[in-house]
């Protein structure tokens, strides 16, 4: 019985990549800027080596026990799907399409014809700002709100009283089927909300992401094909279009996702537990809430000892991220950053510097190596650096 727990701290980047200026993200540093502005302390992650990762501006623990490092994104882009796919061994040579001026009229016309109702919006916007801008018009007309961002997303916001979740999800499935070929966006996202007037609209926990099906074999496929359990928590099932998973808990929000993870750890599964903690990104990063981001990271750090206590002698823990979303940087979008690597198992006695990995896919190579599967995805396993 071997288990690996892979936790993605969504958007917890650790400094701008060398090509960040191409994405207008030069100088971004999600963890570093939060630490500098708030005095954030993450003692449990630093005990695994987090403070020794360059530019985190956290205190380096003098007697850390764990493996630490950072990884660069080899794929083009800085979105959730691209990051998670690369973690799972799929590197994109071509980025997903983005729409800084909104979607072409032929796309909107086809979508409106398919759902039988007009839409409003069709421009890049913050998910909370657009509700203030168009929420009242939406209530008056009954027209769904379509919008995008700097990422490759087609987002549909609708009031739950006008469009109950099954209807909203149906519209998203229609959009997903339409958005193929040259307009194959990374994700279609359902954005349900409630409220009666501007300033009082609130998004609910009914969000659902509809990603493209992975374009190649992923780590999830390989593990499940080798008769291992592959369990997803949070939006993992959405990101991979449910492919390669043998079980899933579509929990929403960090508290529910951590509980779902701990519940799975109390079971005798044999394989991978793949967890996404979305609130860092969705609730704090995009809303540029530096203090809220700090509190969320410190909350996770306080939960880490319980997570580690549920690990067996054979278990492997990997904590990482999928991109950045620096709340102290300009704009409201993701930032092109390195992701952290923290690894630990009960047999470790010393600190190990994993350095700067050339691709997120080193994680997939390492996990396949851990389970005795000869698949590298063109990346390099660091399992032998975790031995003692």
Protein backbone atom coordinates (compact mmCIF):
# COMPACT_ATOMS: atom_id res chain seq x y z
CA UNK A 1 0.00 0.00 0.00
CA UNK A 2 1.63 3.24 -1.19
CA UNK A 3 0.00 6.64 -1.14
CA UNK A 4 1.03 10.02 -2.51
CA UNK A 5 -0.72 13.21 -1.43
CA UNK A 6 -0.28 15.99 -4.00
CA UNK A 7 -1.62 19.37 -2.80
CA UNK A 8 -1.86 22.29 -5.21
CA UNK A 9 -2.04 25.62 -3.39
CA UNK A 10 -3.81 27.36 -6.24
CA UNK A 11 -1.87 30.47 -7.38
CA UNK A 12 0.79 30.38 -4.63
CA UNK A 13 3.68 31.41 -6.88
CA UNK A 14 7.20 32.16 -5.65
CA UNK A 15 8.57 34.77 -8.04
CA UNK A 16 8.44 35.89 -11.65
CA UNK A 17 9.70 33.55 -14.36
CA UNK A 18 12.41 34.84 -16.71
CA UNK A 19 9.80 35.38 -19.44
CA UNK A 20 7.30 37.13 -17.14
CA UNK A 21 7.67 40.42 -19.00
CA UNK A 22 6.07 38.78 -22.06
CA UNK A 23 2.94 38.40 -19.93
CA UNK A 24 3.22 41.87 -18.35
CA UNK A 25 4.12 40.16 -15.06
CA UNK A 26 7.67 41.36 -14.52
CA UNK A 27 8.37 41.63 -10.79
CA UNK A 28 5.45 39.45 -9.68
CA UNK A 29 6.03 37.41 -6.52
CA UNK A 30 2.91 36.14 -4.79
CA UNK A 31 4.46 34.68 -1.62
CA UNK A 32 7.31 37.18 -1.42
CA UNK A 33 5.13 40.27 -1.63
CA UNK A 34 2.63 38.94 0.91
CA UNK A 35 5.48 38.15 3.31
CA UNK A 36 7.08 41.55 2.82
CA UNK A 37 3.85 43.48 3.33
CA UNK A 38 2.34 41.49 6.20
CA UNK A 39 5.14 39.76 8.07
CA UNK A 40 3.50 36.41 7.24
CA UNK A 41 4.80 33.39 9.18
CA UNK A 42 4.47 29.83 7.91
CA UNK A 43 6.46 27.83 10.49
CA UNK A 44 5.26 24.36 9.50
CA UNK A 45 5.96 24.77 5.79
CA UNK A 46 9.26 26.45 6.62
CA UNK A 47 10.14 23.40 8.72
CA UNK A 48 10.02 21.49 5.43
CA UNK A 49 12.22 24.09 3.71
CA UNK A 50 9.76 26.64 2.30
CA UNK A 51 11.78 29.56 3.66
CA UNK A 52 14.86 28.32 1.77
CA UNK A 53 13.15 28.69 -1.62
CA UNK A 54 14.58 31.82 -3.31
CA UNK A 55 12.67 35.09 -2.95
CA UNK A 56 9.94 33.88 -0.59
CA UNK A 57 11.12 36.35 2.10
CA UNK A 58 10.21 33.80 4.74
CA UNK A 59 12.47 32.72 7.58
CA UNK A 60 14.64 29.75 6.62
CA UNK A 61 14.40 27.09 9.34
CA UNK A 62 17.92 26.18 10.54
CA UNK A 63 17.05 22.48 10.94
CA UNK A 64 14.50 21.90 8.19
CA UNK A 65 13.61 18.32 7.32
CA UNK A 66 12.18 17.95 3.86
CA UNK A 67 12.91 18.64 0.21
CA UNK A 68 12.38 22.09 -1.24
CA UNK A 69 12.80 23.87 -4.54
CA UNK A 70 10.88 25.56 -7.31
CA UNK A 71 9.77 24.68 -10.83
CA UNK A 72 9.47 26.73 -14.01
CA UNK A 73 6.54 26.41 -16.37
CA UNK A 74 7.64 25.04 -19.73
CA UNK A 75 4.23 25.51 -21.37
CA UNK A 76 3.07 28.87 -22.64
CA UNK A 77 0.41 30.51 -20.50
CA UNK A 78 -0.38 31.07 -16.85
CA UNK A 79 -3.80 29.52 -16.35
CA UNK A 80 -5.12 26.76 -14.11
CA UNK A 81 -5.57 24.12 -16.80
CA UNK A 82 -2.11 24.66 -18.31
CA UNK A 83 -0.47 24.49 -14.86
CA UNK A 84 -2.28 21.37 -13.69
CA UNK A 85 -1.79 19.61 -17.01
CA UNK A 86 1.95 20.26 -16.89
CA UNK A 87 2.09 19.00 -13.31
CA UNK A 88 0.48 15.83 -14.66
CA UNK A 89 2.97 15.51 -17.52
CA UNK A 90 1.24 17.32 -20.39
CA UNK A 91 3.27 20.23 -21.76
CA UNK A 92 1.53 22.56 -24.21
CA UNK A 93 3.51 23.73 -27.23
CA UNK A 94 0.76 26.21 -28.13
CA UNK A 95 -1.12 28.28 -25.54
CA UNK A 96 -4.89 28.23 -25.22
CA UNK A 97 -6.57 31.14 -27.07
CA UNK A 98 -7.35 34.31 -25.15
CA UNK A 99 -9.76 37.13 -25.98
CA UNK A 100 -8.61 40.55 -24.74
CA UNK A 101 -11.34 42.21 -26.84
CA UNK A 102 -14.08 39.71 -26.12
CA UNK A 103 -15.21 36.77 -28.21
CA UNK A 104 -15.84 37.08 -31.95
CA UNK A 105 -19.45 37.83 -32.83
CA UNK A 106 -19.82 34.49 -34.60
CA UNK A 107 -19.00 32.71 -31.35
CA UNK A 108 -21.56 34.72 -29.39
CA UNK A 109 -24.19 34.29 -32.12
CA UNK A 110 -23.73 30.52 -32.15
CA UNK A 111 -23.93 30.35 -28.37
CA UNK A 112 -27.07 32.52 -28.16
CA UNK A 113 -28.76 30.43 -30.85
CA UNK A 114 -27.92 27.22 -28.99
CA UNK A 115 -29.24 28.43 -25.59
CA UNK A 116 -32.22 30.32 -27.02
CA UNK A 117 -31.57 33.62 -25.28
CA UNK A 118 -29.46 36.75 -25.75
CA UNK A 119 -26.38 37.43 -23.64
CA UNK A 120 -24.77 40.58 -22.23
CA UNK A 121 -21.17 41.47 -21.48
CA UNK A 122 -18.60 39.78 -23.70
CA UNK A 123 -15.51 41.59 -22.46
CA UNK A 124 -12.64 40.87 -20.03
CA UNK A 125 -13.53 41.67 -16.43
CA UNK A 126 -13.04 40.79 -12.80
CA UNK A 127 -15.64 38.29 -11.68
CA UNK A 128 -16.85 40.51 -8.85
CA UNK A 129 -16.70 43.81 -10.77
CA UNK A 130 -18.81 42.52 -13.63
CA UNK A 131 -21.65 41.71 -11.25
CA UNK A 132 -21.77 45.34 -10.19
CA UNK A 133 -21.56 46.42 -13.83
CA UNK A 134 -24.17 44.07 -15.29
CA UNK A 135 -25.97 42.32 -12.42
CA UNK A 136 -29.01 44.60 -12.39
CA UNK A 137 -29.32 44.48 -16.19
CA UNK A 138 -29.16 40.70 -15.97
CA UNK A 139 -32.03 40.66 -13.45
CA UNK A 140 -34.06 43.03 -15.62
CA UNK A 141 -33.55 41.25 -18.94
CA UNK A 142 -32.92 37.64 -17.96
CA UNK A 143 -29.87 37.57 -20.25
CA UNK A 144 -26.85 35.56 -18.98
CA UNK A 145 -23.57 37.45 -18.52
CA UNK A 146 -20.68 36.24 -20.67
CA UNK A 147 -17.16 37.47 -19.93
CA UNK A 148 -13.52 36.43 -20.06
CA UNK A 149 -10.19 37.46 -18.50
CA UNK A 150 -6.50 37.43 -19.38
CA UNK A 151 -6.78 33.64 -19.11
CA UNK A 152 -8.32 31.32 -21.67
CA UNK A 153 -11.81 31.21 -20.17
CA UNK A 154 -15.42 31.60 -21.31
CA UNK A 155 -17.33 32.50 -18.13
CA UNK A 156 -21.09 32.53 -17.70
CA UNK A 157 -22.53 34.39 -14.71
CA UNK A 158 -26.19 33.92 -13.88
CA UNK A 159 -28.44 34.59 -10.88
CA UNK A 160 -29.57 31.39 -9.22
CA UNK A 161 -33.20 32.59 -9.10
CA UNK A 162 -33.25 33.05 -12.88
CA UNK A 163 -31.00 30.16 -13.82
CA UNK A 164 -30.97 27.31 -11.28
CA UNK A 165 -27.66 25.43 -11.24
CA UNK A 166 -28.78 22.61 -13.59
CA UNK A 167 -29.75 25.19 -16.23
CA UNK A 168 -26.50 27.12 -15.82
CA UNK A 169 -24.49 23.91 -16.07
CA UNK A 170 -26.42 22.96 -19.21
CA UNK A 171 -25.46 26.29 -20.82
CA UNK A 172 -21.83 25.68 -19.89
CA UNK A 173 -21.91 22.24 -21.48
CA UNK A 174 -23.34 23.78 -24.65
CA UNK A 175 -20.55 26.37 -24.67
CA UNK A 176 -17.92 23.69 -24.07
CA UNK A 177 -19.17 21.71 -27.06
CA UNK A 178 -19.16 24.84 -29.24
CA UNK A 179 -15.73 26.08 -28.22
CA UNK A 180 -13.51 23.69 -30.13
CA UNK A 181 -10.84 24.06 -32.80
CA UNK A 182 -9.45 27.59 -33.03
CA UNK A 183 -11.72 28.72 -30.17
CA UNK A 184 -10.91 25.81 -27.85
CA UNK A 185 -10.56 27.80 -24.63
CA UNK A 186 -8.98 26.10 -21.66
CA UNK A 187 -12.10 26.34 -19.51
CA UNK A 188 -15.76 27.23 -19.56
CA UNK A 189 -16.73 28.34 -16.05
CA UNK A 190 -20.15 28.49 -14.41
CA UNK A 191 -20.37 31.55 -12.13
CA UNK A 192 -23.67 31.46 -10.20
CA UNK A 193 -24.53 34.38 -7.91
CA UNK A 194 -27.25 35.76 -5.66
CA UNK A 195 -28.31 39.23 -4.49
CA UNK A 196 -30.78 41.93 -5.46
CA UNK A 197 -28.80 45.03 -6.35
CA UNK A 198 -25.43 46.53 -7.20
CA UNK A 199 -22.98 46.22 -4.34
CA UNK A 200 -24.84 43.26 -2.84
CA UNK A 201 -24.33 40.57 -5.47
CA UNK A 202 -22.42 37.57 -4.17
CA UNK A 203 -21.00 34.58 -6.01
CA UNK A 204 -22.02 31.22 -4.56
CA UNK A 205 -20.22 27.91 -4.15
CA UNK A 206 -21.87 26.41 -7.23
CA UNK A 207 -18.97 27.26 -9.52
CA UNK A 208 -18.07 24.51 -11.95
CA UNK A 209 -15.25 24.37 -14.50
CA UNK A 210 -15.53 22.61 -17.86
CA UNK A 211 -12.04 22.01 -19.21
CA UNK A 212 -10.99 20.52 -22.48
CA UNK A 213 -10.28 16.84 -22.22
CA UNK A 214 -6.50 16.38 -21.85
CA UNK A 215 -4.86 16.29 -25.27
CA UNK A 216 -2.40 13.52 -24.34
CA UNK A 217 -1.96 10.81 -21.75
CA UNK A 218 -1.52 12.31 -18.30
CA UNK A 219 -0.14 11.01 -15.04
CA UNK A 220 -3.72 10.36 -13.94
CA UNK A 221 -4.30 8.09 -16.96
CA UNK A 222 -1.03 6.21 -16.37
CA UNK A 223 -1.69 5.61 -12.67
CA UNK A 224 -5.28 4.47 -13.14
CA UNK A 225 -4.27 2.21 -16.06
CA UNK A 226 -1.81 0.59 -13.64
CA UNK A 227 -4.68 -0.24 -11.28
CA UNK A 228 -3.90 2.48 -8.75
CA UNK A 229 -6.46 4.72 -7.10
CA UNK A 230 -6.52 8.29 -8.41
CA UNK A 231 -8.66 10.47 -6.14
CA UNK A 232 -9.44 14.10 -6.87
CA UNK A 233 -10.50 16.79 -4.40
CA UNK A 234 -11.98 20.15 -5.40
CA UNK A 235 -11.88 21.13 -9.05
CA UNK A 236 -9.42 18.41 -10.11
CA UNK A 237 -12.25 16.51 -11.79
CA UNK A 238 -13.16 19.64 -13.77
CA UNK A 239 -9.60 20.40 -14.85
CA UNK A 240 -9.11 16.89 -16.24
CA UNK A 241 -12.69 16.45 -17.52
CA UNK A 242 -12.91 13.54 -15.03
CA UNK A 243 -10.44 11.52 -17.10
CA UNK A 244 -8.06 9.24 -15.23
CA UNK A 245 -9.85 9.62 -11.89
CA UNK A 246 -11.18 6.62 -9.98
CA UNK A 247 -12.91 8.76 -7.35
CA UNK A 248 -13.62 12.42 -6.63
CA UNK A 249 -15.04 14.80 -4.06
CA UNK A 250 -16.05 18.05 -5.74
CA UNK A 251 -15.72 20.03 -2.50
CA UNK A 252 -15.83 23.83 -2.84
CA UNK A 253 -13.53 26.15 -0.89
CA UNK A 254 -10.45 25.46 1.20
CA UNK A 255 -12.18 24.31 4.41
CA UNK A 256 -14.33 21.74 2.59
CA UNK A 257 -11.40 20.59 0.44
CA UNK A 258 -9.10 20.10 3.43
CA UNK A 259 -11.83 18.11 5.19
CA UNK A 260 -12.35 15.96 2.08
CA UNK A 261 -8.60 15.36 1.88
CA UNK A 262 -8.38 14.32 5.53
CA UNK A 263 -11.38 12.03 5.10
CA UNK A 264 -9.69 10.31 2.16
CA UNK A 265 -6.48 9.97 4.19
CA UNK A 266 -8.47 8.00 6.78
CA UNK A 267 -9.20 5.37 4.12
CA UNK A 268 -6.95 2.62 2.75
CA UNK A 269 -6.59 3.85 -0.80
CA UNK A 270 -3.59 2.77 -2.84
CA UNK A 271 -2.36 5.48 -5.19
CA UNK A 272 -2.64 9.26 -5.63
CA UNK A 273 -4.71 11.82 -3.74
CA UNK A 274 -4.70 14.99 -5.89
CA UNK A 275 -6.01 18.10 -4.12
CA UNK A 276 -6.66 21.65 -5.33
CA UNK A 277 -7.15 24.41 -2.75
CA UNK A 278 -8.81 27.13 -4.80
CA UNK A 279 -9.47 29.94 -2.32
CA UNK A 280 -5.95 31.39 -2.48
CA UNK A 281 -6.63 32.22 -6.12
CA UNK A 282 -10.37 32.74 -6.38
CA UNK A 283 -11.11 34.51 -3.11
CA UNK A 284 -7.89 36.41 -2.40
CA UNK A 285 -5.55 36.59 -5.41
CA UNK A 286 -8.00 37.83 -8.03
CA UNK A 287 -9.53 40.22 -5.50
CA UNK A 288 -6.08 41.58 -4.58
CA UNK A 289 -6.71 40.89 -0.89
CA UNK A 290 -3.19 40.72 0.54
CA UNK A 291 -4.29 40.34 4.16
CA UNK A 292 -6.89 37.70 3.34
CA UNK A 293 -4.31 35.77 1.33
CA UNK A 294 -1.93 35.86 4.30
CA UNK A 295 -4.57 34.52 6.67
CA UNK A 296 -5.49 31.73 4.25
CA UNK A 297 -1.86 30.63 3.92
CA UNK A 298 -1.35 30.75 7.67
CA UNK A 299 -4.53 28.69 8.13
CA UNK A 300 -3.25 26.01 5.77
CA UNK A 301 0.12 26.06 7.51
CA UNK A 302 -1.63 25.46 10.85
CA UNK A 303 -3.45 22.46 9.31
CA UNK A 304 -0.27 20.89 7.96
CA UNK A 305 0.66 18.98 11.16
CA UNK A 306 -2.72 17.20 11.09
CA UNK A 307 -2.21 16.29 7.44
CA UNK A 308 1.26 14.92 8.20
CA UNK A 309 0.01 13.01 11.25
CA UNK A 310 -2.35 11.01 9.03
CA UNK A 311 0.48 9.85 6.79
CA UNK A 312 1.81 6.31 7.04
CA UNK A 313 5.47 5.29 6.82
CA UNK A 314 5.00 4.67 3.08
CA UNK A 315 3.21 7.94 2.21
CA UNK A 316 4.75 10.78 0.21
CA UNK A 317 3.59 14.41 0.49
CA UNK A 318 4.15 16.98 -2.26
CA UNK A 319 2.95 20.59 -1.88
CA UNK A 320 3.10 22.83 -4.93
CA UNK A 321 1.10 25.40 -6.97
CA UNK A 322 -0.06 25.89 -10.57
CA UNK A 323 0.80 29.56 -11.31
CA UNK A 324 0.85 32.86 -9.43
CA UNK A 325 -1.81 35.46 -8.64
CA UNK A 326 0.15 38.16 -6.87
CA UNK A 327 -2.33 40.29 -4.88
CA UNK A 328 0.24 43.09 -4.66
CA UNK A 329 0.83 43.20 -8.42
CA UNK A 330 -1.14 45.26 -10.94
CA UNK A 331 -4.35 43.93 -12.45
CA UNK A 332 -6.57 41.10 -11.27
CA UNK A 333 -5.26 38.17 -13.32
CA UNK A 334 -2.85 35.30 -12.82
CA UNK A 335 0.88 36.02 -12.82
CA UNK A 336 3.60 34.06 -14.62
CA UNK A 337 5.69 32.66 -11.74
CA UNK A 338 7.76 29.77 -10.48
CA UNK A 339 5.83 27.30 -8.34
CA UNK A 340 7.15 25.98 -5.02
CA UNK A 341 8.08 22.37 -4.37
CA UNK A 342 7.87 20.94 -0.88
CA UNK A 343 8.22 17.19 -0.32
CA UNK A 344 8.21 15.10 2.84
CA UNK A 345 7.87 11.56 4.11
CA UNK A 346 8.39 10.11 7.57
CA UNK A 347 11.75 8.57 6.71
CA UNK A 348 13.41 11.91 5.92
CA UNK A 349 16.08 13.10 8.33
CA UNK A 350 17.65 16.06 6.53
CA UNK A 351 16.93 18.96 4.20
CA UNK A 352 17.34 18.48 0.44
CA UNK A 353 17.58 21.30 -2.08
CA UNK A 354 15.80 20.26 -5.28
CA UNK A 355 16.97 23.44 -6.99
CA UNK A 356 15.09 24.98 -9.90
CA UNK A 357 13.34 22.35 -12.01
CA UNK A 358 12.97 22.97 -15.74
CA UNK A 359 9.33 21.92 -15.85
CA UNK A 360 6.35 21.26 -13.60
CA UNK A 361 6.26 17.80 -15.23
CA UNK A 362 9.12 16.69 -12.96
CA UNK A 363 6.34 16.12 -10.42
CA UNK A 364 4.60 13.62 -12.71
CA UNK A 365 7.90 11.86 -13.43
CA UNK A 366 8.62 11.64 -9.70
CA UNK A 367 5.22 10.23 -8.82
CA UNK A 368 5.37 7.59 -11.55
CA UNK A 369 8.85 6.69 -10.28
CA UNK A 370 7.47 6.47 -6.74
CA UNK A 371 4.85 3.95 -7.86
CA UNK A 372 7.37 1.92 -9.85
CA UNK A 373 6.05 2.98 -13.26
CA UNK A 374 8.50 3.70 -16.07
CA UNK A 375 7.02 6.90 -17.48
CA UNK A 376 8.85 10.23 -17.38
CA UNK A 377 6.76 12.48 -19.69
CA UNK A 378 10.08 13.83 -20.97
CA UNK A 379 10.87 15.19 -17.49
CA UNK A 380 13.22 14.23 -14.64
CA UNK A 381 12.26 12.42 -11.45
CA UNK A 382 13.67 13.77 -8.21
CA UNK A 383 12.64 10.70 -6.18
CA UNK A 384 16.23 9.68 -5.45
CA UNK A 385 16.75 13.03 -3.74
CA UNK A 386 14.00 12.22 -1.23
CA UNK A 387 15.48 8.95 0.04
CA UNK A 388 16.93 10.05 3.40
